[in-house]
N, C-alpha and C. Protein backbone atom coordinates (compact mmCIF):
# COMPACT_ATOMS: atom_id res chain seq x y z
N UNK A 1 52.96 -46.45 -20.25
CA UNK A 1 52.07 -45.55 -19.33
C UNK A 1 51.39 -46.14 -18.26
N UNK A 2 51.18 -45.66 -17.23
CA UNK A 2 50.76 -46.62 -15.78
C UNK A 2 49.31 -46.13 -16.22
N UNK A 3 48.46 -47.22 -15.38
CA UNK A 3 47.16 -46.99 -15.57
C UNK A 3 46.54 -45.93 -14.84
N UNK A 4 47.51 -45.45 -13.62
CA UNK A 4 47.00 -44.25 -12.94
C UNK A 4 47.20 -42.69 -14.18
N UNK A 5 48.33 -43.20 -15.00
CA UNK A 5 48.37 -41.79 -15.84
C UNK A 5 46.98 -42.00 -16.62
N UNK A 6 46.82 -42.92 -17.06
CA UNK A 6 45.51 -43.06 -18.19
C UNK A 6 44.09 -42.51 -17.32
N UNK A 7 44.20 -43.14 -16.31
CA UNK A 7 42.85 -42.15 -15.43
C UNK A 7 42.99 -40.93 -15.19
N UNK A 8 43.96 -40.31 -15.01
CA UNK A 8 44.14 -38.84 -15.13
C UNK A 8 43.88 -38.26 -16.54
N UNK A 9 44.57 -38.49 -17.29
CA UNK A 9 44.28 -38.22 -18.72
C UNK A 9 42.82 -38.03 -19.14
N UNK A 10 42.10 -39.22 -19.22
CA UNK A 10 40.48 -39.37 -18.99
C UNK A 10 39.84 -38.33 -18.47
N UNK A 11 40.15 -38.19 -16.89
CA UNK A 11 39.60 -37.32 -16.24
C UNK A 11 39.48 -35.67 -16.75
N UNK A 12 40.68 -35.33 -17.42
CA UNK A 12 41.22 -33.84 -17.68
C UNK A 12 40.43 -33.73 -19.33
N UNK A 13 40.23 -34.71 -20.05
CA UNK A 13 39.32 -34.87 -21.24
C UNK A 13 37.90 -34.70 -20.91
N UNK A 14 37.55 -35.18 -20.27
CA UNK A 14 35.93 -35.42 -19.84
C UNK A 14 35.69 -34.07 -19.34
N UNK A 15 36.52 -33.53 -18.47
CA UNK A 15 36.15 -32.03 -17.54
C UNK A 15 36.35 -31.04 -18.97
N UNK A 16 36.70 -31.12 -19.74
CA UNK A 16 36.95 -30.26 -20.96
C UNK A 16 36.00 -30.26 -21.77
N UNK A 17 35.26 -31.23 -22.08
CA UNK A 17 34.23 -31.80 -22.79
C UNK A 17 32.92 -31.32 -22.34
N UNK A 18 32.95 -31.23 -21.08
CA UNK A 18 31.25 -31.17 -20.88
C UNK A 18 31.21 -29.84 -19.87
N UNK A 19 29.92 -29.35 -19.47
CA UNK A 19 29.61 -28.01 -18.97
C UNK A 19 28.43 -28.47 -18.46
N UNK A 20 28.33 -27.39 -17.20
CA UNK A 20 27.07 -27.24 -16.69
C UNK A 20 26.13 -25.98 -17.82
N UNK A 21 24.54 -26.64 -17.96
CA UNK A 21 23.94 -25.88 -18.65
C UNK A 21 22.58 -25.22 -17.72
N UNK A 22 22.62 -24.25 -17.53
CA UNK A 22 21.61 -23.57 -16.75
C UNK A 22 20.04 -23.11 -17.64
N UNK A 23 19.51 -24.03 -17.21
CA UNK A 23 17.94 -23.99 -17.73
C UNK A 23 17.14 -22.80 -16.99
N UNK A 24 16.46 -21.95 -17.90
CA UNK A 24 15.76 -21.10 -17.19
C UNK A 24 14.60 -21.66 -16.53
N UNK A 25 14.25 -20.66 -15.19
CA UNK A 25 13.03 -21.28 -14.57
C UNK A 25 11.91 -20.87 -15.20
N UNK A 26 10.70 -21.79 -14.96
CA UNK A 26 9.57 -21.50 -15.67
C UNK A 26 8.84 -20.46 -15.22
N UNK A 27 9.01 -19.96 -13.75
CA UNK A 27 8.42 -18.81 -13.52
C UNK A 27 9.02 -17.69 -13.25
N UNK A 28 10.45 -17.70 -14.45
CA UNK A 28 11.15 -16.50 -14.02
C UNK A 28 10.28 -15.03 -14.99
N UNK A 29 10.83 -14.19 -14.39
CA UNK A 29 10.36 -12.68 -14.72
C UNK A 29 10.66 -12.39 -16.47
N UNK A 30 9.73 -11.95 -17.14
CA UNK A 30 10.43 -11.91 -18.38
C UNK A 30 11.37 -10.80 -18.07
N UNK A 31 12.69 -10.85 -19.03
CA UNK A 31 13.98 -9.72 -19.14
C UNK A 31 14.07 -9.44 -20.59
N UNK A 32 14.94 -8.32 -20.66
CA UNK A 32 15.39 -7.96 -21.89
C UNK A 32 16.81 -7.31 -21.54
N UNK A 33 17.61 -7.51 -22.73
CA UNK A 33 19.20 -7.15 -22.65
C UNK A 33 18.84 -5.40 -22.94
N UNK A 34 19.76 -5.19 -22.10
CA UNK A 34 19.92 -3.61 -22.09
C UNK A 34 21.04 -3.15 -23.28
N UNK A 35 20.61 -2.30 -24.33
CA UNK A 35 21.82 -2.21 -25.17
C UNK A 35 22.95 -1.38 -24.79
N UNK A 36 22.83 -0.41 -23.71
CA UNK A 36 23.82 0.03 -23.32
C UNK A 36 24.69 -0.52 -22.63
N UNK A 37 24.34 -1.30 -21.56
CA UNK A 37 25.40 -1.80 -20.64
C UNK A 37 25.33 -3.35 -20.85
N UNK A 38 24.37 -4.20 -21.72
CA UNK A 38 24.41 -5.34 -21.48
C UNK A 38 24.06 -6.30 -20.37
N UNK A 39 23.23 -5.54 -19.59
CA UNK A 39 22.75 -6.04 -18.26
C UNK A 39 21.42 -6.51 -18.69
N UNK A 40 20.65 -7.33 -18.00
CA UNK A 40 19.50 -7.85 -18.02
C UNK A 40 18.61 -6.99 -17.23
N UNK A 41 17.11 -6.61 -17.51
CA UNK A 41 16.35 -5.88 -16.71
C UNK A 41 15.12 -6.59 -16.85
N UNK A 42 14.36 -6.40 -15.86
CA UNK A 42 12.78 -6.69 -15.81
C UNK A 42 11.92 -6.25 -16.68
N UNK A 43 10.92 -6.73 -17.45
CA UNK A 43 10.16 -6.00 -18.33
C UNK A 43 8.78 -5.91 -17.37
N UNK A 44 8.01 -4.92 -17.05
CA UNK A 44 7.03 -4.90 -16.39
C UNK A 44 5.98 -4.66 -17.30
N UNK A 45 4.85 -5.51 -17.44
CA UNK A 45 3.76 -5.75 -18.36
C UNK A 45 3.06 -4.44 -18.37
N UNK A 46 2.39 -4.16 -19.53
CA UNK A 46 1.66 -3.07 -19.45
C UNK A 46 0.32 -2.98 -18.41
N UNK A 47 0.23 -2.04 -17.94
CA UNK A 47 -1.12 -1.80 -16.81
C UNK A 47 -2.46 -2.02 -17.74
N UNK A 48 -3.29 -2.83 -17.14
CA UNK A 48 -4.46 -3.08 -17.96
C UNK A 48 -5.45 -1.77 -17.72
N UNK A 49 -6.09 -1.27 -19.07
CA UNK A 49 -7.03 -0.24 -18.64
C UNK A 49 -8.24 -0.54 -18.04
N UNK A 50 -8.82 -0.02 -16.97
CA UNK A 50 -9.88 -0.61 -16.31
C UNK A 50 -11.23 -0.55 -17.41
N UNK A 51 -11.82 -1.30 -16.97
CA UNK A 51 -13.21 -1.76 -17.81
C UNK A 51 -14.34 -0.92 -17.54
N UNK A 52 -14.66 -0.49 -16.25
CA UNK A 52 -15.71 0.52 -15.81
C UNK A 52 -15.24 1.88 -15.94
N UNK A 53 -15.67 2.54 -16.92
CA UNK A 53 -15.31 3.92 -17.12
C UNK A 53 -15.84 5.07 -16.28
N UNK A 54 -16.80 4.20 -15.16
CA UNK A 54 -17.40 4.95 -14.32
C UNK A 54 -16.61 5.02 -12.88
N UNK A 55 -15.63 4.51 -12.90
CA UNK A 55 -15.12 3.93 -11.48
C UNK A 55 -13.64 4.94 -11.17
N UNK A 56 -13.43 5.17 -10.06
CA UNK A 56 -12.24 5.77 -9.88
C UNK A 56 -11.10 5.52 -10.22
N UNK A 57 -11.10 3.95 -10.45
CA UNK A 57 -9.55 3.40 -10.82
C UNK A 57 -9.63 3.96 -12.37
N UNK A 58 -10.68 4.10 -13.16
CA UNK A 58 -10.40 4.63 -14.58
C UNK A 58 -9.99 6.01 -14.58
N UNK A 59 -10.49 6.88 -13.67
CA UNK A 59 -10.36 8.52 -13.65
C UNK A 59 -8.90 8.33 -13.03
N UNK A 60 -8.28 7.37 -12.24
CA UNK A 60 -6.87 7.43 -12.14
C UNK A 60 -6.06 7.30 -13.18
N UNK A 61 -6.64 6.06 -13.99
CA UNK A 61 -5.85 5.98 -14.95
C UNK A 61 -5.75 7.02 -16.07
N UNK A 62 -6.82 7.92 -16.40
CA UNK A 62 -7.02 9.03 -17.20
C UNK A 62 -5.82 9.98 -16.80
N UNK A 63 -5.64 10.22 -15.43
CA UNK A 63 -4.80 11.20 -14.88
C UNK A 63 -3.56 10.78 -14.84
N UNK A 64 -3.49 9.42 -14.77
CA UNK A 64 -1.70 9.14 -14.90
C UNK A 64 -1.26 9.17 -16.36
N UNK A 65 -2.22 9.24 -17.21
CA UNK A 65 -1.87 8.94 -18.52
C UNK A 65 -2.01 10.45 -19.07
N UNK A 66 -2.58 11.20 -18.63
CA UNK A 66 -2.73 12.52 -18.83
C UNK A 66 -3.66 12.85 -20.11
N UNK A 67 -4.77 11.87 -20.18
CA UNK A 67 -5.75 11.74 -21.32
C UNK A 67 -6.67 12.73 -20.81
N UNK A 68 -7.91 12.93 -22.04
CA UNK A 68 -8.96 13.84 -21.98
C UNK A 68 -9.98 12.94 -21.05
N UNK A 69 -10.77 13.79 -19.96
CA UNK A 69 -11.72 13.08 -19.26
C UNK A 69 -13.02 12.70 -20.22
N UNK A 70 -13.70 11.31 -19.96
CA UNK A 70 -14.71 11.17 -20.48
C UNK A 70 -15.94 11.80 -19.99
N UNK A 71 -17.16 11.72 -20.63
CA UNK A 71 -18.37 12.63 -20.28
C UNK A 71 -18.51 12.34 -18.69
N UNK A 72 -18.19 11.26 -18.65
CA UNK A 72 -18.91 10.95 -16.99
C UNK A 72 -18.11 11.77 -16.07
N UNK A 73 -16.77 11.48 -16.04
CA UNK A 73 -15.94 12.32 -15.05
C UNK A 73 -15.69 13.68 -14.93
N UNK A 74 -16.21 14.08 -16.65
CA UNK A 74 -15.94 15.69 -16.48
C UNK A 74 -17.11 16.09 -15.69
N UNK A 75 -18.44 15.36 -16.05
CA UNK A 75 -19.87 15.95 -15.38
C UNK A 75 -19.34 15.55 -13.54
N UNK A 76 -18.82 14.60 -13.34
CA UNK A 76 -18.50 14.59 -11.93
C UNK A 76 -18.15 15.60 -11.54
N UNK A 77 -16.84 15.81 -12.25
CA UNK A 77 -16.01 17.12 -11.51
C UNK A 77 -16.45 18.71 -11.64
N UNK A 78 -17.48 18.62 -12.47
CA UNK A 78 -18.26 20.04 -12.96
C UNK A 78 -19.22 20.41 -11.62
N UNK A 79 -19.79 19.18 -11.32
CA UNK A 79 -21.00 19.16 -10.34
C UNK A 79 -20.48 19.41 -8.80
N UNK A 80 -18.75 19.43 -8.68
CA UNK A 80 -18.50 19.78 -7.35
C UNK A 80 -18.67 21.35 -7.16
N UNK A 81 -18.68 21.42 -5.63
CA UNK A 81 -18.90 22.87 -5.32
C UNK A 81 -17.78 23.41 -5.68
N UNK A 82 -17.64 24.79 -6.04
CA UNK A 82 -16.68 25.75 -6.19
C UNK A 82 -15.56 25.17 -6.97
N UNK A 83 -16.08 24.55 -8.04
CA UNK A 83 -15.11 23.64 -8.86
C UNK A 83 -15.78 23.80 -10.39
N UNK A 84 -14.91 24.20 -11.46
CA UNK A 84 -15.50 24.28 -12.87
C UNK A 84 -14.29 24.07 -13.77
N UNK A 85 -14.20 22.92 -14.70
CA UNK A 85 -13.12 22.89 -15.73
C UNK A 85 -13.11 24.07 -16.63
N UNK A 86 -12.14 24.70 -16.72
CA UNK A 86 -12.02 25.76 -17.71
C UNK A 86 -12.67 25.34 -19.08
N UNK A 87 -13.41 26.31 -19.59
CA UNK A 87 -13.74 26.48 -20.88
C UNK A 87 -12.96 27.25 -21.78
N UNK A 88 -12.31 28.35 -21.31
CA UNK A 88 -12.05 29.44 -22.10
C UNK A 88 -10.66 29.24 -22.31
N UNK A 89 -9.90 28.23 -21.74
CA UNK A 89 -8.37 28.07 -22.02
C UNK A 89 -7.95 26.92 -21.80
N UNK A 90 -7.04 26.26 -22.78
CA UNK A 90 -6.57 24.93 -22.62
C UNK A 90 -6.22 24.65 -21.29
N UNK A 91 -6.50 23.06 -20.98
CA UNK A 91 -5.68 22.92 -19.69
C UNK A 91 -5.35 21.41 -19.65
N UNK A 92 -4.84 21.16 -18.67
CA UNK A 92 -4.52 19.66 -18.55
C UNK A 92 -4.43 18.96 -17.06
N UNK A 93 -4.86 18.06 -16.79
CA UNK A 93 -5.03 17.17 -15.50
C UNK A 93 -3.89 16.23 -15.37
N UNK A 94 -3.30 15.77 -14.26
CA UNK A 94 -2.59 15.05 -13.99
C UNK A 94 -2.75 14.38 -12.46
N UNK A 95 -2.26 13.24 -12.14
CA UNK A 95 -2.18 12.51 -10.91
C UNK A 95 -1.26 13.29 -10.16
N UNK A 96 -1.44 13.35 -8.86
CA UNK A 96 -0.06 13.81 -8.12
C UNK A 96 0.16 12.73 -7.14
N UNK A 97 -1.09 11.93 -6.63
CA UNK A 97 -1.00 10.77 -5.84
C UNK A 97 -2.30 10.13 -5.14
N UNK A 98 -2.11 9.11 -5.13
CA UNK A 98 -3.95 8.33 -4.58
C UNK A 98 -3.10 7.35 -3.47
N UNK A 99 -4.29 7.00 -2.70
CA UNK A 99 -3.74 6.06 -1.25
C UNK A 99 -5.34 5.83 -1.15
N UNK A 100 -5.23 4.64 -0.24
CA UNK A 100 -6.63 3.99 0.17
C UNK A 100 -6.54 4.11 1.84
N UNK A 101 -7.78 4.66 2.09
CA UNK A 101 -7.99 4.86 3.59
C UNK A 101 -8.39 3.64 4.17
N UNK A 102 -9.48 3.24 3.54
CA UNK A 102 -9.92 1.79 4.35
C UNK A 102 -10.49 0.94 3.17
N UNK A 103 -11.58 -0.18 3.27
CA UNK A 103 -11.82 -1.18 2.32
C UNK A 103 -13.24 -0.36 1.05
N UNK A 104 -13.48 0.93 1.88
CA UNK A 104 -14.39 1.52 0.87
C UNK A 104 -13.89 3.07 0.27
N UNK A 105 -12.96 3.43 1.03
CA UNK A 105 -12.86 4.88 1.03
C UNK A 105 -11.12 5.05 0.49
N UNK A 106 -10.74 5.70 -0.79
CA UNK A 106 -9.67 6.22 -1.04
C UNK A 106 -9.59 7.69 -1.40
N UNK A 107 -8.33 8.03 -1.61
CA UNK A 107 -8.12 9.27 -1.62
C UNK A 107 -7.31 9.42 -2.97
N UNK A 108 -7.35 10.69 -3.55
CA UNK A 108 -7.29 11.39 -4.70
C UNK A 108 -6.69 12.65 -4.86
N UNK A 109 -5.49 12.91 -5.34
CA UNK A 109 -4.84 14.32 -5.39
C UNK A 109 -4.39 14.47 -6.74
N UNK A 110 -4.98 15.61 -7.43
CA UNK A 110 -4.80 15.95 -8.80
C UNK A 110 -4.21 17.15 -8.99
N UNK A 111 -3.63 17.54 -10.11
CA UNK A 111 -3.11 18.89 -10.45
C UNK A 111 -3.84 19.65 -11.71
N UNK A 112 -4.56 20.72 -11.41
CA UNK A 112 -5.32 21.22 -12.69
C UNK A 112 -4.35 22.36 -12.95
N UNK A 113 -3.81 22.40 -14.46
CA UNK A 113 -3.04 23.39 -14.69
C UNK A 113 -3.19 24.21 -16.15
N UNK A 114 -3.41 25.49 -16.23
CA UNK A 114 -3.60 25.89 -17.35
C UNK A 114 -2.63 26.83 -18.06
N UNK A 115 -1.37 26.88 -17.64
CA UNK A 115 -0.09 27.43 -18.10
C UNK A 115 0.14 28.53 -17.31
N UNK A 116 -1.02 29.57 -16.71
CA UNK A 116 -0.78 30.53 -15.96
C UNK A 116 -1.24 29.92 -14.42
N UNK A 117 -2.21 29.01 -14.30
CA UNK A 117 -2.76 28.69 -13.13
C UNK A 117 -2.22 27.22 -12.81
N UNK A 118 -1.81 27.07 -11.55
CA UNK A 118 -1.70 25.46 -11.02
C UNK A 118 -2.36 25.36 -10.12
N UNK A 119 -3.27 24.37 -9.63
CA UNK A 119 -4.11 24.09 -8.41
C UNK A 119 -4.16 22.64 -8.27
N UNK A 120 -3.94 22.15 -6.97
CA UNK A 120 -4.30 20.77 -6.66
C UNK A 120 -5.38 20.70 -5.75
N UNK A 121 -6.00 19.67 -6.07
CA UNK A 121 -7.30 19.30 -5.20
C UNK A 121 -7.13 17.99 -4.64
N UNK A 122 -7.76 17.93 -3.28
CA UNK A 122 -7.91 16.67 -2.81
C UNK A 122 -9.62 16.12 -3.05
N UNK A 123 -9.60 14.71 -3.39
CA UNK A 123 -10.93 14.24 -3.40
C UNK A 123 -10.79 12.82 -2.74
N UNK A 124 -11.98 12.61 -1.91
CA UNK A 124 -12.25 11.35 -1.27
C UNK A 124 -13.27 10.85 -1.77
N UNK A 125 -13.08 9.18 -2.11
CA UNK A 125 -14.23 8.54 -2.97
C UNK A 125 -14.19 7.32 -2.16
N UNK A 126 -15.83 7.13 -2.44
CA UNK A 126 -16.23 5.92 -1.52
C UNK A 126 -16.58 5.11 -2.71
N UNK A 127 -16.29 3.63 -2.55
CA UNK A 127 -16.76 2.69 -3.28
C UNK A 127 -16.24 2.73 -4.79
N UNK A 128 -15.36 3.32 -4.99
CA UNK A 128 -14.91 3.73 -6.26
C UNK A 128 -15.64 4.41 -7.22
N UNK A 129 -16.87 5.02 -6.66
CA UNK A 129 -17.66 5.82 -7.26
C UNK A 129 -18.25 7.16 -7.24
N UNK A 130 -18.48 7.45 -5.74
CA UNK A 130 -19.02 8.55 -5.11
C UNK A 130 -18.01 9.60 -4.68
N UNK A 131 -18.00 10.34 -5.11
CA UNK A 131 -17.07 11.60 -4.50
C UNK A 131 -17.88 12.20 -3.22
N UNK A 132 -17.15 12.20 -2.24
CA UNK A 132 -17.70 12.40 -0.77
C UNK A 132 -17.00 13.71 -0.61
N UNK A 133 -15.78 14.13 -0.79
CA UNK A 133 -15.27 15.45 -0.17
C UNK A 133 -14.01 15.98 -1.61
N UNK A 134 -14.36 16.85 -1.49
CA UNK A 134 -13.21 17.93 -2.24
C UNK A 134 -12.57 18.87 -1.43
N UNK A 135 -11.30 19.26 -1.62
CA UNK A 135 -10.45 20.15 -0.62
C UNK A 135 -9.51 20.75 -1.49
N UNK A 136 -9.74 22.25 -1.89
CA UNK A 136 -8.78 22.86 -2.66
C UNK A 136 -7.35 22.79 -1.75
N UNK A 137 -6.43 22.40 -2.14
CA UNK A 137 -5.03 22.28 -1.08
C UNK A 137 -3.85 23.24 -1.50
N UNK A 138 -3.94 23.35 -3.06
CA UNK A 138 -2.59 24.22 -3.44
C UNK A 138 -3.06 25.15 -4.56
N UNK A 139 -2.65 26.49 -4.42
CA UNK A 139 -3.17 27.37 -5.47
C UNK A 139 -1.56 28.24 -5.59
N UNK A 140 -1.31 28.26 -6.92
CA UNK A 140 0.02 28.70 -7.43
C UNK A 140 -0.28 29.27 -8.39
N UNK A 141 -1.05 30.15 -8.56
CA UNK A 141 -1.18 31.01 -9.96
C UNK A 141 -0.21 32.09 -10.17
N UNK A 142 0.12 32.23 -11.32
CA UNK A 142 0.86 33.44 -11.66
C UNK A 142 0.32 34.74 -10.77
N UNK A 143 1.30 35.38 -10.26
CA UNK A 143 0.91 36.64 -9.95
C UNK A 143 0.26 37.64 -10.55
N UNK A 144 -1.01 38.06 -10.02
CA UNK A 144 -1.85 38.96 -10.66
C UNK A 144 -1.95 40.21 -9.94
N UNK A 145 -0.97 41.14 -9.86
CA UNK A 145 -0.85 42.22 -9.29
C UNK A 145 -1.35 43.25 -10.37
N UNK A 146 -1.71 44.86 -9.41
CA UNK A 146 -1.75 45.76 -10.42
C UNK A 146 -1.11 46.99 -9.84
N UNK A 147 -1.39 48.18 -10.10
CA UNK A 147 -0.56 49.29 -9.66
C UNK A 147 -1.36 49.53 -8.15
N UNK A 148 -2.82 49.17 -8.15
CA UNK A 148 -3.34 49.57 -6.91
C UNK A 148 -3.23 48.23 -6.08
N UNK A 149 -2.91 47.28 -6.68
CA UNK A 149 -3.34 46.10 -5.54
C UNK A 149 -1.90 45.49 -5.90
N UNK A 150 -0.64 45.57 -4.98
CA UNK A 150 0.46 44.78 -5.04
C UNK A 150 0.57 43.68 -4.35
N UNK A 151 -0.52 43.11 -3.64
CA UNK A 151 -0.65 42.03 -2.88
C UNK A 151 -0.98 40.52 -3.70
N UNK A 152 -0.02 39.55 -3.35
CA UNK A 152 -0.11 38.31 -3.90
C UNK A 152 -0.57 37.04 -3.06
N UNK A 153 -1.69 36.14 -3.32
CA UNK A 153 -1.98 35.22 -2.71
C UNK A 153 -1.60 34.14 -3.06
N UNK A 154 -1.26 33.11 -2.23
CA UNK A 154 -0.94 31.79 -2.73
C UNK A 154 -1.20 30.84 -1.47
N UNK A 155 -1.32 29.34 -2.02
CA UNK A 155 -1.75 28.30 -0.76
C UNK A 155 -0.88 27.05 -1.35
N UNK A 156 -0.42 26.55 -0.19
CA UNK A 156 0.57 25.32 -0.03
C UNK A 156 0.08 24.25 0.98
N UNK A 157 0.39 23.12 0.78
CA UNK A 157 -0.16 21.97 1.73
C UNK A 157 1.04 21.17 2.29
N UNK A 158 0.67 20.39 3.19
CA UNK A 158 1.71 19.50 3.88
C UNK A 158 0.69 17.91 4.07
N UNK A 159 1.13 16.86 3.27
CA UNK A 159 0.31 15.98 3.97
C UNK A 159 1.12 15.36 5.28
N UNK A 160 0.39 15.35 6.28
CA UNK A 160 1.01 14.81 7.74
C UNK A 160 1.06 13.44 7.67
N UNK A 161 0.04 13.05 7.17
CA UNK A 161 0.21 11.53 7.16
C UNK A 161 -1.27 10.86 6.08
N UNK A 162 -1.57 9.72 6.06
CA UNK A 162 -2.77 9.29 5.26
C UNK A 162 -4.16 9.71 5.42
N UNK A 163 -3.97 10.58 6.67
CA UNK A 163 -5.63 11.00 7.07
C UNK A 163 -5.55 12.66 7.29
N UNK A 164 -4.49 13.17 7.15
CA UNK A 164 -4.24 14.50 7.61
C UNK A 164 -3.44 15.38 6.77
N UNK A 165 -4.12 16.65 6.24
CA UNK A 165 -3.43 17.53 5.40
C UNK A 165 -3.35 18.96 5.98
N UNK A 166 -2.45 19.50 6.13
CA UNK A 166 -2.33 20.73 6.90
C UNK A 166 -1.99 21.85 5.68
N UNK A 167 -2.90 23.00 5.60
CA UNK A 167 -2.90 24.06 4.57
C UNK A 167 -2.27 25.19 5.31
N UNK A 168 -1.48 26.07 4.22
CA UNK A 168 -0.95 27.15 4.75
C UNK A 168 -1.25 28.37 3.66
N UNK A 169 -1.95 29.28 4.31
CA UNK A 169 -2.37 30.68 3.16
C UNK A 169 -1.76 31.49 3.36
N UNK A 170 -1.13 31.72 2.34
CA UNK A 170 0.04 33.06 2.73
C UNK A 170 -0.67 34.40 1.69
N UNK A 171 0.09 35.44 2.05
CA UNK A 171 -0.11 36.72 1.53
C UNK A 171 1.40 37.21 1.22
N UNK A 172 1.60 37.53 0.10
CA UNK A 172 2.87 38.48 -0.16
C UNK A 172 2.45 40.13 -0.46
N UNK A 173 2.92 40.61 0.73
CA UNK A 173 2.63 42.02 0.97
C UNK A 173 3.46 42.99 -0.46
N UNK A 174 2.99 43.61 -0.99
CA UNK A 174 4.02 44.47 -1.85
C UNK A 174 4.53 43.55 -2.93
N UNK A 175 3.90 42.67 -3.30
CA UNK A 175 4.66 41.75 -4.35
C UNK A 175 5.89 42.48 -5.42
N UNK A 176 6.74 41.82 -5.59
CA UNK A 176 7.79 42.28 -6.69
C UNK A 176 8.26 43.59 -6.52
N UNK A 177 8.49 44.09 -4.96
CA UNK A 177 8.96 45.51 -5.05
C UNK A 177 9.97 45.26 -3.75
N UNK A 178 10.42 46.20 -3.35
CA UNK A 178 11.72 46.40 -2.28
C UNK A 178 11.16 46.10 -0.94
N UNK A 179 9.94 46.18 -0.82
CA UNK A 179 9.10 45.85 0.45
C UNK A 179 8.37 44.70 0.43
N UNK A 180 8.82 44.00 -0.37
CA UNK A 180 8.02 42.61 -0.44
C UNK A 180 8.27 41.87 0.80
N UNK A 181 6.78 41.54 1.30
CA UNK A 181 6.95 40.39 2.72
C UNK A 181 5.92 39.66 2.47
N UNK A 182 6.42 37.99 2.73
CA UNK A 182 5.62 36.94 2.78
C UNK A 182 5.21 36.63 4.09
N UNK A 183 3.89 37.21 4.57
CA UNK A 183 3.16 36.48 5.41
C UNK A 183 2.07 35.54 5.58
N UNK A 184 1.90 34.68 6.62
CA UNK A 184 1.00 33.64 6.68
C UNK A 184 -0.46 34.00 7.48
N UNK A 185 -1.49 33.80 6.55
CA UNK A 185 -2.69 34.46 6.90
C UNK A 185 -3.23 33.52 7.47
N UNK A 186 -3.06 32.05 7.22
CA UNK A 186 -4.06 31.14 8.06
C UNK A 186 -3.03 29.79 7.80
N UNK A 187 -3.49 28.75 9.03
CA UNK A 187 -3.10 27.31 8.85
C UNK A 187 -4.39 26.82 8.94
N UNK A 188 -4.42 25.48 8.11
CA UNK A 188 -5.73 24.82 8.40
C UNK A 188 -5.27 23.28 8.36
N UNK A 189 -6.07 22.71 9.29
CA UNK A 189 -5.93 21.01 9.63
C UNK A 189 -7.20 20.50 8.85
N UNK A 190 -6.81 19.50 8.18
CA UNK A 190 -7.86 18.82 7.61
C UNK A 190 -7.53 17.08 7.85
N UNK A 191 -8.77 16.79 8.37
CA UNK A 191 -8.63 15.01 8.79
C UNK A 191 -9.66 14.54 7.89
N UNK A 192 -9.47 13.33 7.47
CA UNK A 192 -10.22 12.50 6.68
C UNK A 192 -10.83 11.18 7.45
N UNK A 193 -11.78 11.26 7.72
CA UNK A 193 -12.47 10.31 8.41
C UNK A 193 -12.80 9.04 7.85
N UNK A 194 -13.47 8.33 8.61
CA UNK A 194 -13.58 6.48 8.11
C UNK A 194 -14.46 6.60 6.91
N UNK A 195 -15.63 7.72 6.80
CA UNK A 195 -16.78 7.71 5.91
C UNK A 195 -16.14 8.29 4.90
N UNK A 196 -15.01 9.05 4.88
CA UNK A 196 -14.82 9.42 3.79
C UNK A 196 -14.46 11.22 3.63
N UNK A 197 -15.64 11.75 4.77
CA UNK A 197 -15.72 13.03 4.83
C UNK A 197 -14.29 13.65 5.35
N UNK A 198 -13.56 14.60 4.47
CA UNK A 198 -12.65 15.65 4.83
C UNK A 198 -13.46 16.61 5.85
N UNK A 199 -12.81 16.84 7.09
CA UNK A 199 -13.16 18.16 8.14
C UNK A 199 -12.08 18.94 8.33
N UNK A 200 -12.43 19.79 8.56
CA UNK A 200 -11.46 20.99 8.97
C UNK A 200 -11.59 20.99 10.68
N UNK A 201 -10.48 21.07 10.95
CA UNK A 201 -10.57 21.08 12.62
C UNK A 201 -10.23 22.34 13.16
């Protein structure tokens, strides 16, 4: 056997008995195997519960998780004009969306549902503590019509941008009859100012 043949055999043997071992990155995101596909997906750490139960962050946490309000936020909502949490029927609150206007003002839209009624409200909050404005932006209650009153009212909204909301107030004449007609009663344009005030234009 020639020296060149020995070198070739040695090289083949060495390559078969060694391999590259990939070591995990120290800063890698924790992952878990998916049993269905065998793929690896990132594990999102649980979100911490805000420590200050009087802050709007805690209110958002309660809404996101559809938990009961604490006394502070129950009183806060019931103190708003033309708003009262139901006491005669079960209800649930849920978060629709929230966003930031500036360093001190944020916006929360939440849903209040009772099974027969569904309403959405927009709140502006300053410094995560003080509710500056409340606007009733959606009303989708079950039709409450009678023989003497066949008209049904409802309200919906469109978020134009982070500062503008457009409300559409409807009336359905002769609801649930062959003469039913949906008519627009009014369109309202609301703007959120830098100080958190929501004003109708």
